[in-house]
Amino acid sequence: MPTFDLSPELMREIILDHYSHPLHKGVPANLDGYEKIHADSVNCIDDFDFYLKSEADTVKDAMWEGVACAISTASTDILCDSLIGKTKKEALYLIEQYSLMIAEKPYDADLLGEALAFQNTGKQAARIHCATMGWDAAKALLEGEKNHG
């Protein structure tokens, strides 16, 4: 379990903070070493590129650029924070745990940090895709898909 009280108010505050002030939104200044994949939705305004830079099997940077709803923006921004510094194996495991949480299956809450703000998303079918788009894009890049879109 998380080491902090995750009240509905705190979950809302985390989401709104990352939506209003995303730390990882933008195109990398130098694209050398970055892989890119495009993500979009037919059900929402979400339409963005996800960038990932890895060196020696470690994620060095993660960014995204485009248009996204509050849920997609916050979830993708939190993802970027969570990936940096992880090995590809650790990153894929983190993404798996997030996916399990969204699917309302047993997961390792200790790994997810601020991503726990989306723990009730599985109860809102219309928001699941928004909350997982960035995570699915990162997984595709980590598993070897490149430069789509």
C-alpha atoms as a PDB file:
ATOM      1  CA  MET A   1       0.000   0.000   0.000  1.00  0.00           C
ATOM      2  CA  PRO A   2       1.121   3.587  -0.551  1.00  0.00           C
ATOM      3  CA  THR A   3       2.877   5.382   2.277  1.00  0.00           C
ATOM      4  CA  PHE A   4       0.480   8.342   2.068  1.00  0.00           C
ATOM      5  CA  ASP A   5      -3.273   8.790   2.466  1.00  0.00           C
ATOM      6  CA  LEU A   6      -4.774   8.701  -1.022  1.00  0.00           C
ATOM      7  CA  SER A   7      -8.093  10.424  -0.463  1.00  0.00           C
ATOM      8  CA  PRO A   8     -10.342  11.359  -3.389  1.00  0.00           C
ATOM      9  CA  GLU A   9      -9.261  14.972  -2.859  1.00  0.00           C
ATOM     10  CA  LEU A  10      -5.567  14.079  -3.112  1.00  0.00           C
ATOM     11  CA  MET A  11      -6.171  11.968  -6.233  1.00  0.00           C
ATOM     12  CA  ARG A  12      -7.979  14.912  -7.835  1.00  0.00           C
ATOM     13  CA  GLU A  13      -5.173  17.284  -6.792  1.00  0.00           C
ATOM     14  CA  ILE A  14      -2.490  15.021  -8.329  1.00  0.00           C
ATOM     15  CA  ILE A  15      -4.399  14.753 -11.606  1.00  0.00           C
ATOM     16  CA  LEU A  16      -5.119  18.487 -11.815  1.00  0.00           C
ATOM     17  CA  ASP A  17      -1.519  19.411 -10.975  1.00  0.00           C
ATOM     18  CA  HIS A  18      -0.094  17.213 -13.741  1.00  0.00           C
ATOM     19  CA  TYR A  19      -2.771  18.440 -16.149  1.00  0.00           C
ATOM     20  CA  SER A  20      -2.184  22.132 -15.390  1.00  0.00           C
ATOM     21  CA  HIS A  21       1.604  21.903 -15.136  1.00  0.00           C
ATOM     22  CA  PRO A  22       2.888  18.864 -17.046  1.00  0.00           C
ATOM     23  CA  LEU A  23       6.637  18.499 -16.502  1.00  0.00           C
ATOM     24  CA  HIS A  24       7.331  16.276 -19.485  1.00  0.00           C
ATOM     25  CA  LYS A  25       5.257  17.892 -22.227  1.00  0.00           C
ATOM     26  CA  GLY A  26       7.242  19.030 -25.240  1.00  0.00           C
ATOM     27  CA  VAL A  27       9.406  17.826 -28.085  1.00  0.00           C
ATOM     28  CA  PRO A  28      12.983  16.946 -27.091  1.00  0.00           C
ATOM     29  CA  ALA A  29      15.369  19.763 -28.066  1.00  0.00           C
ATOM     30  CA  ASN A  30      17.654  17.215 -29.714  1.00  0.00           C
ATOM     31  CA  LEU A  31      15.978  14.091 -31.087  1.00  0.00           C
ATOM     32  CA  ASP A  32      19.217  12.055 -31.156  1.00  0.00           C
ATOM     33  CA  GLY A  33      18.642   8.785 -29.354  1.00  0.00           C
ATOM     34  CA  TYR A  34      14.881   9.238 -28.996  1.00  0.00           C
ATOM     35  CA  GLU A  35      12.318   6.819 -30.331  1.00  0.00           C
ATOM     36  CA  LYS A  36       8.843   8.139 -31.114  1.00  0.00           C
ATOM     37  CA  ILE A  37       5.391   6.638 -31.406  1.00  0.00           C
ATOM     38  CA  HIS A  38       2.055   8.313 -32.121  1.00  0.00           C
ATOM     39  CA  ALA A  39      -1.025   7.772 -29.948  1.00  0.00           C
ATOM     40  CA  ASP A  40      -4.556   8.955 -30.605  1.00  0.00           C
ATOM     41  CA  SER A  41      -8.141   8.248 -29.697  1.00  0.00           C
ATOM     42  CA  VAL A  42     -11.379   8.139 -31.654  1.00  0.00           C
ATOM     43  CA  ASN A  43     -13.357   8.805 -28.448  1.00  0.00           C
ATOM     44  CA  CYS A  44     -11.481  11.797 -27.024  1.00  0.00           C
ATOM     45  CA  ILE A  45      -9.296  14.727 -28.099  1.00  0.00           C
ATOM     46  CA  ASP A  46      -6.144  12.741 -27.274  1.00  0.00           C
ATOM     47  CA  ASP A  47      -3.624  12.964 -30.111  1.00  0.00           C
ATOM     48  CA  PHE A  48       0.050  13.025 -29.188  1.00  0.00           C
ATOM     49  CA  ASP A  49       3.552  11.753 -29.881  1.00  0.00           C
ATOM     50  CA  PHE A  50       5.412   9.903 -27.135  1.00  0.00           C
ATOM     51  CA  TYR A  51       9.228  10.120 -27.026  1.00  0.00           C
ATOM     52  CA  LEU A  52      11.533   7.740 -25.188  1.00  0.00           C
ATOM     53  CA  LYS A  53      15.301   7.841 -24.865  1.00  0.00           C
ATOM     54  CA  SER A  54      17.180   4.808 -23.562  1.00  0.00           C
ATOM     55  CA  GLU A  55      20.893   4.222 -23.115  1.00  0.00           C
ATOM     56  CA  ALA A  56      22.509   1.011 -21.937  1.00  0.00           C
ATOM     57  CA  ASP A  57      19.091  -0.555 -21.188  1.00  0.00           C
ATOM     58  CA  THR A  58      18.066   2.374 -18.959  1.00  0.00           C
ATOM     59  CA  VAL A  59      15.370   4.952 -19.678  1.00  0.00           C
ATOM     60  CA  LYS A  60      17.102   8.339 -19.713  1.00  0.00           C
ATOM     61  CA  ASP A  61      14.164  10.515 -20.705  1.00  0.00           C
ATOM     62  CA  ALA A  62      10.478  10.383 -21.599  1.00  0.00           C
ATOM     63  CA  MET A  63       8.397  13.185 -23.095  1.00  0.00           C
ATOM     64  CA  TRP A  64       5.172  13.701 -24.980  1.00  0.00           C
ATOM     65  CA  GLU A  65       3.748  16.432 -27.182  1.00  0.00           C
ATOM     66  CA  GLY A  66       0.264  17.031 -28.497  1.00  0.00           C
ATOM     67  CA  VAL A  67      -3.297  17.489 -27.306  1.00  0.00           C
ATOM     68  CA  ALA A  68      -4.801  15.426 -24.504  1.00  0.00           C
ATOM     69  CA  CYS A  69      -7.648  15.520 -22.008  1.00  0.00           C
ATOM     70  CA  ALA A  70      -6.962  15.954 -18.292  1.00  0.00           C
ATOM     71  CA  ILE A  71      -6.831  12.216 -17.593  1.00  0.00           C
ATOM     72  CA  SER A  72      -4.522  11.422 -20.510  1.00  0.00           C
ATOM     73  CA  THR A  73      -2.275  14.424 -19.828  1.00  0.00           C
ATOM     74  CA  ALA A  74      -1.855  13.661 -16.138  1.00  0.00           C
ATOM     75  CA  SER A  75      -1.450   9.926 -16.615  1.00  0.00           C
ATOM     76  CA  THR A  76       1.168  10.333 -19.372  1.00  0.00           C
ATOM     77  CA  ASP A  77       3.061  12.976 -17.407  1.00  0.00           C
ATOM     78  CA  ILE A  78       3.159  10.764 -14.305  1.00  0.00           C
ATOM     79  CA  LEU A  79       4.305   7.884 -16.504  1.00  0.00           C
ATOM     80  CA  CYS A  80       7.235   9.931 -17.807  1.00  0.00           C
ATOM     81  CA  ASP A  81       8.284  10.769 -14.231  1.00  0.00           C
ATOM     82  CA  SER A  82       8.019   7.104 -13.284  1.00  0.00           C
ATOM     83  CA  LEU A  83      10.040   5.720 -16.209  1.00  0.00           C
ATOM     84  CA  ILE A  84      13.145   7.888 -16.011  1.00  0.00           C
ATOM     85  CA  GLY A  85      16.023   5.974 -14.439  1.00  0.00           C
ATOM     86  CA  LYS A  86      14.393   2.551 -14.713  1.00  0.00           C
ATOM     87  CA  THR A  87      15.806  -0.345 -16.696  1.00  0.00           C
ATOM     88  CA  LYS A  88      13.631  -1.480 -19.579  1.00  0.00           C
ATOM     89  CA  LYS A  89      12.663  -4.561 -17.566  1.00  0.00           C
ATOM     90  CA  GLU A  90      11.672  -2.433 -14.545  1.00  0.00           C
ATOM     91  CA  ALA A  91       9.755  -0.047 -16.804  1.00  0.00           C
ATOM     92  CA  LEU A  92       7.792  -2.869 -18.421  1.00  0.00           C
ATOM     93  CA  TYR A  93       6.993  -4.319 -14.992  1.00  0.00           C
ATOM     94  CA  LEU A  94       5.780  -0.896 -13.812  1.00  0.00           C
ATOM     95  CA  ILE A  95       3.535  -0.607 -16.873  1.00  0.00           C
ATOM     96  CA  GLU A  96       2.208  -4.110 -16.215  1.00  0.00           C
ATOM     97  CA  GLN A  97       1.338  -3.189 -12.609  1.00  0.00           C
ATOM     98  CA  TYR A  98      -0.440  -0.032 -13.772  1.00  0.00           C
ATOM     99  CA  SER A  99      -2.431  -2.056 -16.318  1.00  0.00           C
ATOM    100  CA  LEU A 100      -3.418  -4.554 -13.628  1.00  0.00           C
ATOM    101  CA  MET A 101      -4.577  -1.696 -11.399  1.00  0.00           C
ATOM    102  CA  ILE A 102      -6.700  -0.203 -14.199  1.00  0.00           C
ATOM    103  CA  ALA A 103      -8.181  -3.671 -14.879  1.00  0.00           C
ATOM    104  CA  GLU A 104      -9.010  -3.920 -11.149  1.00  0.00           C
ATOM    105  CA  LYS A 105      -6.783  -6.958 -10.680  1.00  0.00           C
ATOM    106  CA  PRO A 106      -4.175  -7.501  -7.944  1.00  0.00           C
ATOM    107  CA  TYR A 107      -1.139  -5.234  -8.432  1.00  0.00           C
ATOM    108  CA  ASP A 108       1.907  -3.950  -6.544  1.00  0.00           C
ATOM    109  CA  ALA A 109       0.758  -0.559  -5.251  1.00  0.00           C
ATOM    110  CA  ASP A 110       4.200   0.219  -3.802  1.00  0.00           C
ATOM    111  CA  LEU A 111       5.589   0.725  -7.307  1.00  0.00           C
ATOM    112  CA  LEU A 112       3.018   3.137  -8.663  1.00  0.00           C
ATOM    113  CA  GLY A 113       3.451   6.325  -6.635  1.00  0.00           C
ATOM    114  CA  GLU A 114       1.324   9.148  -8.054  1.00  0.00           C
ATOM    115  CA  ALA A 115      -0.099   6.786 -10.690  1.00  0.00           C
ATOM    116  CA  LEU A 116      -2.284   5.454  -7.874  1.00  0.00           C
ATOM    117  CA  ALA A 117      -4.423   8.541  -8.481  1.00  0.00           C
ATOM    118  CA  PHE A 118      -5.942   6.504 -11.332  1.00  0.00           C
ATOM    119  CA  GLN A 119      -6.858   3.488  -9.198  1.00  0.00           C
ATOM    120  CA  ASN A 120     -10.600   4.046  -9.682  1.00  0.00           C
ATOM    121  CA  THR A 121     -10.390   4.555 -13.449  1.00  0.00           C
ATOM    122  CA  GLY A 122     -11.430   0.955 -14.143  1.00  0.00           C
ATOM    123  CA  LYS A 123     -14.856   1.860 -12.814  1.00  0.00           C
ATOM    124  CA  GLN A 124     -15.190   4.547 -15.510  1.00  0.00           C
ATOM    125  CA  ALA A 125     -15.105   2.689 -18.826  1.00  0.00           C
ATOM    126  CA  ALA A 126     -15.008   5.888 -20.879  1.00  0.00           C
ATOM    127  CA  ARG A 127     -11.792   6.968 -19.132  1.00  0.00           C
ATOM    128  CA  ILE A 128      -9.794   3.740 -19.353  1.00  0.00           C
ATOM    129  CA  HIS A 129      -8.367   4.487 -22.797  1.00  0.00           C
ATOM    130  CA  CYS A 130      -7.464   8.036 -21.736  1.00  0.00           C
ATOM    131  CA  ALA A 131      -5.627   6.757 -18.669  1.00  0.00           C
ATOM    132  CA  THR A 132      -3.695   4.092 -20.591  1.00  0.00           C
ATOM    133  CA  MET A 133      -2.759   5.703 -23.918  1.00  0.00           C
ATOM    134  CA  GLY A 134       0.651   6.967 -22.832  1.00  0.00           C
ATOM    135  CA  TRP A 135       1.385   3.761 -20.944  1.00  0.00           C
ATOM    136  CA  ASP A 136       0.515   1.665 -24.007  1.00  0.00           C
ATOM    137  CA  ALA A 137       2.714   3.890 -26.191  1.00  0.00           C
ATOM    138  CA  ALA A 138       5.667   3.529 -23.803  1.00  0.00           C
ATOM    139  CA  LYS A 139       5.183  -0.236 -23.664  1.00  0.00           C
ATOM    140  CA  ALA A 140       5.207  -0.442 -27.470  1.00  0.00           C
ATOM    141  CA  LEU A 141       8.493   1.481 -27.634  1.00  0.00           C
ATOM    142  CA  LEU A 142      10.073  -0.557 -24.846  1.00  0.00           C
ATOM    143  CA  GLU A 143       9.079  -3.730 -26.671  1.00  0.00           C
ATOM    144  CA  GLY A 144      10.664  -2.528 -29.890  1.00  0.00           C
ATOM    145  CA  GLU A 145       8.027  -0.686 -31.928  1.00  0.00           C
ATOM    146  CA  LYS A 146       9.548   2.514 -33.335  1.00  0.00           C
ATOM    147  CA  ASN A 147       8.647   5.715 -35.109  1.00  0.00           C
ATOM    148  CA  HIS A 148       5.006   4.940 -35.825  1.00  0.00           C
ATOM    149  CA  GLY A 149       2.728   7.735 -36.872  1.00  0.00           C
END
